Amino acid sequence: MFCLLNADEMTKMDEVQSTFWREWKFKLEEKKRVAERSRELEKIIPGVETGRFLSGDLDYIKSAIFSLIESVKSEKKHIIRDVLKLVDAYGLNHTEVF
């Protein structure tokens, strides 16, 4: 059974659908950004709990970065640039970290 819609109802339906797809696209793009940030974190700090990191858990962020620094010191890796990028991205103080 089909029902016929008048012009006002069709306009309203178009607006609802447009809003739905706009919100869907925004949520999808946000998920893509979170996934990309998670991949970047995993690349720099393997095994990091990205959810805690991205949620802004400063105690965890500091702990993860300090742990990374210690491993870098002991393994003599050259990834300080990546660490500084994380420090800047998550609002930590350079003097606390180094």
PDB file of N, CA and C in Angstrom:
ATOM      1  N   MET A   1       0.845  -1.174   0.000  1.00  0.00           N
ATOM      2  CA  MET A   1       0.000   0.000   0.000  1.00  0.00           C
ATOM      3  C   MET A   1       0.894   1.242   0.000  1.00  0.00           C
ATOM      4  N   PHE A   2       0.622   2.140  -0.863  1.00  0.00           N
ATOM      5  CA  PHE A   2       1.379   3.378  -0.974  1.00  0.00           C
ATOM      6  C   PHE A   2       0.529   4.527  -0.479  1.00  0.00           C
ATOM      7  N   CYS A   3       1.194   5.497   0.119  1.00  0.00           N
ATOM      8  CA  CYS A   3       0.431   6.687   0.483  1.00  0.00           C
ATOM      9  C   CYS A   3       1.039   7.872  -0.255  1.00  0.00           C
ATOM     10  N   LEU A   4       0.217   8.756  -0.638  1.00  0.00           N
ATOM     11  CA  LEU A   4       0.680   9.928  -1.370  1.00  0.00           C
ATOM     12  C   LEU A   4       0.991  11.043  -0.379  1.00  0.00           C
ATOM     13  N   LEU A   5       2.115  11.702  -0.624  1.00  0.00           N
ATOM     14  CA  LEU A   5       2.529  12.808   0.239  1.00  0.00           C
ATOM     15  C   LEU A   5       2.309  14.120  -0.491  1.00  0.00           C
ATOM     16  N   ASN A   6       1.875  15.124   0.254  1.00  0.00           N
ATOM     17  CA  ASN A   6       1.741  16.434  -0.378  1.00  0.00           C
ATOM     18  C   ASN A   6       3.118  17.092  -0.423  1.00  0.00           C
ATOM     19  N   ALA A   7       3.207  18.245  -1.021  1.00  0.00           N
ATOM     20  CA  ALA A   7       4.488  18.928  -1.227  1.00  0.00           C
ATOM     21  C   ALA A   7       5.188  19.245   0.098  1.00  0.00           C
ATOM     22  N   ASP A   8       4.435  19.694   1.087  1.00  0.00           N
ATOM     23  CA  ASP A   8       5.040  20.022   2.388  1.00  0.00           C
ATOM     24  C   ASP A   8       5.618  18.772   3.055  1.00  0.00           C
ATOM     25  N   GLU A   9       4.874  17.672   2.965  1.00  0.00           N
ATOM     26  CA  GLU A   9       5.354  16.420   3.565  1.00  0.00           C
ATOM     27  C   GLU A   9       6.596  15.903   2.835  1.00  0.00           C
ATOM     28  N   MET A  10       6.627  16.064   1.530  1.00  0.00           N
ATOM     29  CA  MET A  10       7.798  15.631   0.749  1.00  0.00           C
ATOM     30  C   MET A  10       9.013  16.488   1.091  1.00  0.00           C
ATOM     31  N   THR A  11       8.793  17.787   1.237  1.00  0.00           N
ATOM     32  CA  THR A  11       9.883  18.682   1.604  1.00  0.00           C
ATOM     33  C   THR A  11      10.438  18.306   2.969  1.00  0.00           C
ATOM     34  N   LYS A  12       9.544  18.046   3.906  1.00  0.00           N
ATOM     35  CA  LYS A  12       9.964  17.651   5.251  1.00  0.00           C
ATOM     36  C   LYS A  12      10.737  16.331   5.201  1.00  0.00           C
ATOM     37  N   MET A  13      10.252  15.373   4.410  1.00  0.00           N
ATOM     38  CA  MET A  13      10.924  14.081   4.269  1.00  0.00           C
ATOM     39  C   MET A  13      12.321  14.276   3.674  1.00  0.00           C
ATOM     40  N   ASP A  14      12.450  15.145   2.684  1.00  0.00           N
ATOM     41  CA  ASP A  14      13.755  15.439   2.082  1.00  0.00           C
ATOM     42  C   ASP A  14      14.704  16.043   3.110  1.00  0.00           C
ATOM     43  N   GLU A  15      14.195  16.944   3.939  1.00  0.00           N
ATOM     44  CA  GLU A  15      15.022  17.570   4.973  1.00  0.00           C
ATOM     45  C   GLU A  15      15.489  16.540   5.996  1.00  0.00           C
ATOM     46  N   VAL A  16      14.594  15.649   6.399  1.00  0.00           N
ATOM     47  CA  VAL A  16      14.940  14.602   7.371  1.00  0.00           C
ATOM     48  C   VAL A  16      16.018  13.688   6.788  1.00  0.00           C
ATOM     49  N   GLN A  17      15.835  13.267   5.551  1.00  0.00           N
ATOM     50  CA  GLN A  17      16.826  12.400   4.914  1.00  0.00           C
ATOM     51  C   GLN A  17      18.168  13.116   4.761  1.00  0.00           C
ATOM     52  N   SER A  18      18.124  14.375   4.372  1.00  0.00           N
ATOM     53  CA  SER A  18      19.343  15.156   4.217  1.00  0.00           C
ATOM     54  C   SER A  18      20.090  15.273   5.544  1.00  0.00           C
ATOM     55  N   THR A  19      19.355  15.557   6.610  1.00  0.00           N
ATOM     56  CA  THR A  19      19.957  15.653   7.938  1.00  0.00           C
ATOM     57  C   THR A  19      20.549  14.316   8.355  1.00  0.00           C
ATOM     58  N   PHE A  20      19.814  13.233   8.124  1.00  0.00           N
ATOM     59  CA  PHE A  20      20.297  11.902   8.471  1.00  0.00           C
ATOM     60  C   PHE A  20      21.624  11.615   7.786  1.00  0.00           C
ATOM     61  N   TRP A  21      21.712  11.840   6.472  1.00  0.00           N
ATOM     62  CA  TRP A  21      22.932  11.527   5.733  1.00  0.00           C
ATOM     63  C   TRP A  21      24.074  12.459   6.100  1.00  0.00           C
ATOM     64  N   ARG A  22      23.773  13.703   6.390  1.00  0.00           N
ATOM     65  CA  ARG A  22      24.812  14.646   6.803  1.00  0.00           C
ATOM     66  C   ARG A  22      25.415  14.198   8.143  1.00  0.00           C
ATOM     67  N   GLU A  23      24.539  13.822   9.087  1.00  0.00           N
ATOM     68  CA  GLU A  23      25.017  13.339  10.388  1.00  0.00           C
ATOM     69  C   GLU A  23      25.767  12.021  10.247  1.00  0.00           C
ATOM     70  N   TRP A  24      25.292  11.130   9.400  1.00  0.00           N
ATOM     71  CA  TRP A  24      25.946   9.851   9.158  1.00  0.00           C
ATOM     72  C   TRP A  24      27.349  10.071   8.600  1.00  0.00           C
ATOM     73  N   LYS A  25      27.464  10.984   7.636  1.00  0.00           N
ATOM     74  CA  LYS A  25      28.762  11.291   7.033  1.00  0.00           C
ATOM     75  C   LYS A  25      29.713  11.887   8.072  1.00  0.00           C
ATOM     76  N   PHE A  26      29.206  12.783   8.913  1.00  0.00           N
ATOM     77  CA  PHE A  26      30.032  13.394   9.958  1.00  0.00           C
ATOM     78  C   PHE A  26      30.556  12.323  10.916  1.00  0.00           C
ATOM     79  N   LYS A  27      29.684  11.414  11.352  1.00  0.00           N
ATOM     80  CA  LYS A  27      30.090  10.346  12.267  1.00  0.00           C
ATOM     81  C   LYS A  27      31.122   9.428  11.614  1.00  0.00           C
ATOM     82  N   LEU A  28      30.931   9.119  10.346  1.00  0.00           N
ATOM     83  CA  LEU A  28      31.879   8.275   9.625  1.00  0.00           C
ATOM     84  C   LEU A  28      33.250   8.954   9.533  1.00  0.00           C
ATOM     85  N   GLU A  29      33.255  10.243   9.212  1.00  0.00           N
ATOM     86  CA  GLU A  29      34.516  10.983   9.128  1.00  0.00           C
ATOM     87  C   GLU A  29      35.209  11.040  10.486  1.00  0.00           C
ATOM     88  N   GLU A  30      34.442  11.198  11.558  1.00  0.00           N
ATOM     89  CA  GLU A  30      35.016  11.214  12.905  1.00  0.00           C
ATOM     90  C   GLU A  30      35.632   9.859  13.233  1.00  0.00           C
ATOM     91  N   LYS A  31      34.954   8.783  12.883  1.00  0.00           N
ATOM     92  CA  LYS A  31      35.503   7.440  13.114  1.00  0.00           C
ATOM     93  C   LYS A  31      36.804   7.245  12.339  1.00  0.00           C
ATOM     94  N   LYS A  32      36.854   7.775  11.122  1.00  0.00           N
ATOM     95  CA  LYS A  32      38.081   7.677  10.320  1.00  0.00           C
ATOM     96  C   LYS A  32      39.225   8.435  10.996  1.00  0.00           C
ATOM     97  N   ARG A  33      38.933   9.627  11.519  1.00  0.00           N
ATOM     98  CA  ARG A  33      39.970  10.415  12.209  1.00  0.00           C
ATOM     99  C   ARG A  33      40.482   9.680  13.446  1.00  0.00           C
ATOM    100  N   VAL A  34      39.573   9.103  14.214  1.00  0.00           N
ATOM    101  CA  VAL A  34      39.964   8.366  15.419  1.00  0.00           C
ATOM    102  C   VAL A  34      40.805   7.148  15.033  1.00  0.00           C
ATOM    103  N   ALA A  35      40.400   6.447  13.986  1.00  0.00           N
ATOM    104  CA  ALA A  35      41.156   5.276  13.533  1.00  0.00           C
ATOM    105  C   ALA A  35      42.558   5.674  13.085  1.00  0.00           C
ATOM    106  N   GLU A  36      42.665   6.776  12.374  1.00  0.00           N
ATOM    107  CA  GLU A  36      43.979   7.251  11.916  1.00  0.00           C
ATOM    108  C   GLU A  36      44.856   7.632  13.100  1.00  0.00           C
ATOM    109  N   ARG A  37      44.293   8.341  14.072  1.00  0.00           N
ATOM    110  CA  ARG A  37      45.065   8.721  15.266  1.00  0.00           C
ATOM    111  C   ARG A  37      45.479   7.482  16.039  1.00  0.00           C
ATOM    112  N   SER A  38      44.611   6.499  16.102  1.00  0.00           N
ATOM    113  CA  SER A  38      44.930   5.245  16.788  1.00  0.00           C
ATOM    114  C   SER A  38      46.087   4.526  16.090  1.00  0.00           C
ATOM    115  N   ARG A  39      46.048   4.483  14.753  1.00  0.00           N
ATOM    116  CA  ARG A  39      47.142   3.849  13.999  1.00  0.00           C
ATOM    117  C   ARG A  39      48.453   4.572  14.231  1.00  0.00           C
ATOM    118  N   GLU A  40      48.408   5.915  14.245  1.00  0.00           N
ATOM    119  CA  GLU A  40      49.626   6.694  14.488  1.00  0.00           C
ATOM    120  C   GLU A  40      50.195   6.391  15.875  1.00  0.00           C
ATOM    121  N   LEU A  41      49.321   6.338  16.878  1.00  0.00           N
ATOM    122  CA  LEU A  41      49.769   6.032  18.237  1.00  0.00           C
ATOM    123  C   LEU A  41      50.375   4.635  18.313  1.00  0.00           C
ATOM    124  N   GLU A  42      49.711   3.655  17.704  1.00  0.00           N
ATOM    125  CA  GLU A  42      50.204   2.278  17.718  1.00  0.00           C
ATOM    126  C   GLU A  42      51.560   2.169  17.022  1.00  0.00           C
ATOM    127  N   LYS A  43      51.742   2.959  15.987  1.00  0.00           N
ATOM    128  CA  LYS A  43      53.018   2.944  15.260  1.00  0.00           C
ATOM    129  C   LYS A  43      54.142   3.459  16.161  1.00  0.00           C
ATOM    130  N   ILE A  44      53.858   4.501  16.910  1.00  0.00           N
ATOM    131  CA  ILE A  44      54.877   5.117  17.768  1.00  0.00           C
ATOM    132  C   ILE A  44      55.047   4.348  19.069  1.00  0.00           C
ATOM    133  N   ILE A  45      53.929   3.924  19.660  1.00  0.00           N
ATOM    134  CA  ILE A  45      53.955   3.217  20.951  1.00  0.00           C
ATOM    135  C   ILE A  45      53.194   1.898  20.787  1.00  0.00           C
ATOM    136  N   PRO A  46      53.856   0.852  20.325  1.00  0.00           N
ATOM    137  CA  PRO A  46      53.168  -0.438  20.161  1.00  0.00           C
ATOM    138  C   PRO A  46      52.542  -0.897  21.481  1.00  0.00           C
ATOM    139  N   GLY A  47      51.318  -1.388  21.402  1.00  0.00           N
ATOM    140  CA  GLY A  47      50.625  -1.892  22.574  1.00  0.00           C
ATOM    141  C   GLY A  47      49.921  -0.831  23.410  1.00  0.00           C
ATOM    142  N   VAL A  48      49.980   0.416  22.980  1.00  0.00           N
ATOM    143  CA  VAL A  48      49.335   1.497  23.730  1.00  0.00           C
ATOM    144  C   VAL A  48      47.819   1.294  23.746  1.00  0.00           C
ATOM    145  N   GLU A  49      47.199   1.664  24.848  1.00  0.00           N
ATOM    146  CA  GLU A  49      45.731   1.622  24.928  1.00  0.00           C
ATOM    147  C   GLU A  49      45.219   2.918  24.297  1.00  0.00           C
ATOM    148  N   THR A  50      44.919   2.850  23.029  1.00  0.00           N
ATOM    149  CA  THR A  50      44.559   4.066  22.288  1.00  0.00           C
ATOM    150  C   THR A  50      43.309   4.733  22.840  1.00  0.00           C
ATOM    151  N   GLY A  51      42.358   3.952  23.321  1.00  0.00           N
ATOM    152  CA  GLY A  51      41.138   4.540  23.882  1.00  0.00           C
ATOM    153  C   GLY A  51      41.440   5.454  25.052  1.00  0.00           C
ATOM    154  N   ARG A  52      42.298   4.990  25.950  1.00  0.00           N
ATOM    155  CA  ARG A  52      42.669   5.815  27.107  1.00  0.00           C
ATOM    156  C   ARG A  52      43.474   7.030  26.655  1.00  0.00           C
ATOM    157  N   PHE A  53      44.358   6.816  25.686  1.00  0.00           N
ATOM    158  CA  PHE A  53      45.186   7.910  25.191  1.00  0.00           C
ATOM    159  C   PHE A  53      44.299   8.985  24.562  1.00  0.00           C
ATOM    160  N   LEU A  54      43.410   8.562  23.668  1.00  0.00           N
ATOM    161  CA  LEU A  54      42.569   9.518  22.943  1.00  0.00           C
ATOM    162  C   LEU A  54      41.482  10.132  23.810  1.00  0.00           C
ATOM    163  N   SER A  55      41.154   9.492  24.936  1.00  0.00           N
ATOM    164  CA  SER A  55      40.139  10.064  25.827  1.00  0.00           C
ATOM    165  C   SER A  55      40.708  11.203  26.662  1.00  0.00           C
ATOM    166  N   GLY A  56      42.046  11.372  26.624  1.00  0.00           N
ATOM    167  CA  GLY A  56      42.655  12.471  27.368  1.00  0.00           C
ATOM    168  C   GLY A  56      43.079  12.094  28.775  1.00  0.00           C
ATOM    169  N   ASP A  57      43.210  10.812  29.070  1.00  0.00           N
ATOM    170  CA  ASP A  57      43.653  10.334  30.381  1.00  0.00           C
ATOM    171  C   ASP A  57      45.118  10.744  30.579  1.00  0.00           C
ATOM    172  N   LEU A  58      45.326  11.933  31.174  1.00  0.00           N
ATOM    173  CA  LEU A  58      46.681  12.496  31.271  1.00  0.00           C
ATOM    174  C   LEU A  58      47.643  11.618  32.052  1.00  0.00           C
ATOM    175  N   ASP A  59      47.175  10.958  33.090  1.00  0.00           N
ATOM    176  CA  ASP A  59      48.056  10.065  33.842  1.00  0.00           C
ATOM    177  C   ASP A  59      48.549   8.930  32.949  1.00  0.00           C
ATOM    178  N   TYR A  60      47.638   8.365  32.178  1.00  0.00           N
ATOM    179  CA  TYR A  60      48.025   7.275  31.271  1.00  0.00           C
ATOM    180  C   TYR A  60      48.937   7.795  30.162  1.00  0.00           C
ATOM    181  N   ILE A  61      48.607   8.954  29.604  1.00  0.00           N
ATOM    182  CA  ILE A  61      49.428   9.532  28.530  1.00  0.00           C
ATOM    183  C   ILE A  61      50.852   9.748  29.026  1.00  0.00           C
ATOM    184  N   LYS A  62      50.984  10.367  30.203  1.00  0.00           N
ATOM    185  CA  LYS A  62      52.324  10.592  30.766  1.00  0.00           C
ATOM    186  C   LYS A  62      53.043   9.272  30.981  1.00  0.00           C
ATOM    187  N   SER A  63      52.345   8.308  31.551  1.00  0.00           N
ATOM    188  CA  SER A  63      52.949   7.004  31.820  1.00  0.00           C
ATOM    189  C   SER A  63      53.429   6.342  30.528  1.00  0.00           C
ATOM    190  N   ALA A  64      52.599   6.369  29.498  1.00  0.00           N
ATOM    191  CA  ALA A  64      52.954   5.744  28.221  1.00  0.00           C
ATOM    192  C   ALA A  64      54.144   6.449  27.576  1.00  0.00           C
ATOM    193  N   ILE A  65      54.148   7.769  27.632  1.00  0.00           N
ATOM    194  CA  ILE A  65      55.258   8.515  27.026  1.00  0.00           C
ATOM    195  C   ILE A  65      56.543   8.318  27.817  1.00  0.00           C
ATOM    196  N   PHE A  66      56.461   8.352  29.157  1.00  0.00           N
ATOM    197  CA  PHE A  66      57.659   8.115  29.963  1.00  0.00           C
ATOM    198  C   PHE A  66      58.198   6.703  29.717  1.00  0.00           C
ATOM    199  N   SER A  67      57.322   5.734  29.603  1.00  0.00           N
ATOM    200  CA  SER A  67      57.732   4.364  29.316  1.00  0.00           C
ATOM    201  C   SER A  67      58.421   4.294  27.958  1.00  0.00           C
ATOM    202  N   LEU A  68      57.854   4.978  26.980  1.00  0.00           N
ATOM    203  CA  LEU A  68      58.465   5.023  25.648  1.00  0.00           C
ATOM    204  C   LEU A  68      59.848   5.654  25.707  1.00  0.00           C
ATOM    205  N   ILE A  69      59.978   6.742  26.445  1.00  0.00           N
ATOM    206  CA  ILE A  69      61.272   7.417  26.565  1.00  0.00           C
ATOM    207  C   ILE A  69      62.309   6.480  27.185  1.00  0.00           C
ATOM    208  N   GLU A  70      61.909   5.766  28.234  1.00  0.00           N
ATOM    209  CA  GLU A  70      62.828   4.826  28.870  1.00  0.00           C
ATOM    210  C   GLU A  70      63.263   3.740  27.898  1.00  0.00           C
ATOM    211  N   SER A  71      62.323   3.223  27.109  1.00  0.00           N
ATOM    212  CA  SER A  71      62.691   2.187  26.141  1.00  0.00           C
ATOM    213  C   SER A  71      63.598   2.753  25.056  1.00  0.00           C
ATOM    214  N   VAL A  72      63.359   4.003  24.678  1.00  0.00           N
ATOM    215  CA  VAL A  72      64.203   4.642  23.669  1.00  0.00           C
ATOM    216  C   VAL A  72      65.617   4.812  24.215  1.00  0.00           C
ATOM    217  N   LYS A  73      65.701   5.253  25.465  1.00  0.00           N
ATOM    218  CA  LYS A  73      67.021   5.427  26.072  1.00  0.00           C
ATOM    219  C   LYS A  73      67.766   4.106  26.121  1.00  0.00           C
ATOM    220  N   SER A  74      67.086   3.047  26.534  1.00  0.00           N
ATOM    221  CA  SER A  74      67.761   1.761  26.685  1.00  0.00           C
ATOM    222  C   SER A  74      68.075   1.105  25.348  1.00  0.00           C
ATOM    223  N   GLU A  75      67.269   1.343  24.352  1.00  0.00           N
ATOM    224  CA  GLU A  75      67.491   0.744  23.038  1.00  0.00           C
ATOM    225  C   GLU A  75      68.207   1.698  22.084  1.00  0.00           C
ATOM    226  N   LYS A  76      68.416   2.917  22.531  1.00  0.00           N
ATOM    227  CA  LYS A  76      69.099   3.949  21.734  1.00  0.00           C
ATOM    228  C   LYS A  76      68.442   4.170  20.369  1.00  0.00           C
ATOM    229  N   LYS A  77      67.112   4.168  20.364  1.00  0.00           N
ATOM    230  CA  LYS A  77      66.379   4.459  19.134  1.00  0.00           C
ATOM    231  C   LYS A  77      66.346   5.964  18.919  1.00  0.00           C
ATOM    232  N   HIS A  78      66.105   6.348  17.692  1.00  0.00           N
ATOM    233  CA  HIS A  78      66.048   7.775  17.347  1.00  0.00           C
ATOM    234  C   HIS A  78      64.625   8.168  16.951  1.00  0.00           C
ATOM    235  N   ILE A  79      63.731   8.224  17.916  1.00  0.00           N
ATOM    236  CA  ILE A  79      62.339   8.590  17.617  1.00  0.00           C
ATOM    237  C   ILE A  79      61.881   9.767  18.463  1.00  0.00           C
ATOM    238  N   ILE A  80      62.813  10.550  18.934  1.00  0.00           N
ATOM    239  CA  ILE A  80      62.457  11.688  19.776  1.00  0.00           C
ATOM    240  C   ILE A  80      61.498  12.635  19.050  1.00  0.00           C
ATOM    241  N   ARG A  81      61.655  12.771  17.743  1.00  0.00           N
ATOM    242  CA  ARG A  81      60.768  13.644  16.966  1.00  0.00           C
ATOM    243  C   ARG A  81      59.315  13.201  17.115  1.00  0.00           C
ATOM    244  N   ASP A  82      59.068  11.895  17.033  1.00  0.00           N
ATOM    245  CA  ASP A  82      57.713  11.376  17.197  1.00  0.00           C
ATOM    246  C   ASP A  82      57.201  11.613  18.615  1.00  0.00           C
ATOM    247  N   VAL A  83      58.085  11.456  19.594  1.00  0.00           N
ATOM    248  CA  VAL A  83      57.687  11.689  20.983  1.00  0.00           C
ATOM    249  C   VAL A  83      57.303  13.152  21.168  1.00  0.00           C
ATOM    250  N   LEU A  84      58.093  14.049  20.610  1.00  0.00           N
ATOM    251  CA  LEU A  84      57.780  15.482  20.722  1.00  0.00           C
ATOM    252  C   LEU A  84      56.441  15.803  20.051  1.00  0.00           C
ATOM    253  N   LYS A  85      56.160  15.132  18.957  1.00  0.00           N
ATOM    254  CA  LYS A  85      54.882  15.336  18.272  1.00  0.00           C
ATOM    255  C   LYS A  85      53.732  14.931  19.195  1.00  0.00           C
ATOM    256  N   LEU A  86      53.887  13.793  19.890  1.00  0.00           N
ATOM    257  CA  LEU A  86      52.855  13.365  20.834  1.00  0.00           C
ATOM    258  C   LEU A  86      52.728  14.339  21.993  1.00  0.00           C
ATOM    259  N   VAL A  87      53.865  14.787  22.509  1.00  0.00           N
ATOM    260  CA  VAL A  87      53.862  15.741  23.630  1.00  0.00           C
ATOM    261  C   VAL A  87      53.087  16.990  23.229  1.00  0.00           C
ATOM    262  N   ASP A  88      53.365  17.504  22.040  1.00  0.00           N
ATOM    263  CA  ASP A  88      52.656  18.697  21.559  1.00  0.00           C
ATOM    264  C   ASP A  88      51.175  18.416  21.315  1.00  0.00           C
ATOM    265  N   ALA A  89      50.887  17.289  20.697  1.00  0.00           N
ATOM    266  CA  ALA A  89      49.504  16.971  20.324  1.00  0.00           C
ATOM    267  C   ALA A  89      48.606  16.796  21.540  1.00  0.00           C
ATOM    268  N   TYR A  90      49.171  16.325  22.662  1.00  0.00           N
ATOM    269  CA  TYR A  90      48.349  16.044  23.821  1.00  0.00           C
ATOM    270  C   TYR A  90      48.604  17.005  24.980  1.00  0.00           C
ATOM    271  N   GLY A  91      49.243  18.136  24.668  1.00  0.00           N
ATOM    272  CA  GLY A  91      49.336  19.237  25.600  1.00  0.00           C
ATOM    273  C   GLY A  91      50.216  18.994  26.820  1.00  0.00           C
ATOM    274  N   LEU A  92      51.207  18.128  26.679  1.00  0.00           N
ATOM    275  CA  LEU A  92      52.123  17.930  27.809  1.00  0.00           C
ATOM    276  C   LEU A  92      53.239  18.971  27.767  1.00  0.00           C
ATOM    277  N   ASN A  93      53.850  19.178  28.895  1.00  0.00           N
ATOM    278  CA  ASN A  93      54.923  20.150  29.038  1.00  0.00           C
ATOM    279  C   ASN A  93      56.241  19.488  28.646  1.00  0.00           C
ATOM    280  N   HIS A  94      56.993  20.104  27.725  1.00  0.00           N
ATOM    281  CA  HIS A  94      58.265  19.548  27.271  1.00  0.00           C
ATOM    282  C   HIS A  94      59.240  19.346  28.435  1.00  0.00           C
ATOM    283  N   THR A  95      59.245  20.255  29.378  1.00  0.00           N
ATOM    284  CA  THR A  95      60.211  20.154  30.482  1.00  0.00           C
ATOM    285  C   THR A  95      59.863  18.983  31.403  1.00  0.00           C
ATOM    286  N   GLU A  96      58.601  18.606  31.512  1.00  0.00           N
ATOM    287  CA  GLU A  96      58.238  17.437  32.307  1.00  0.00           C
ATOM    288  C   GLU A  96      58.684  16.146  31.657  1.00  0.00           C
ATOM    289  N   VAL A  97      58.654  16.133  30.332  1.00  0.00           N
ATOM    290  CA  VAL A  97      58.963  14.928  29.597  1.00  0.00           C
ATOM    291  C   VAL A  97      60.460  14.714  29.439  1.00  0.00           C
ATOM    292  N   PHE A  98      61.204  15.788  29.209  1.00  0.00           N
ATOM    293  CA  PHE A  98      62.640  15.637  28.965  1.00  0.00           C
ATOM    294  C   PHE A  98      63.443  16.214  30.080  1.00  0.00           C
TER     295      PHE A  98
END
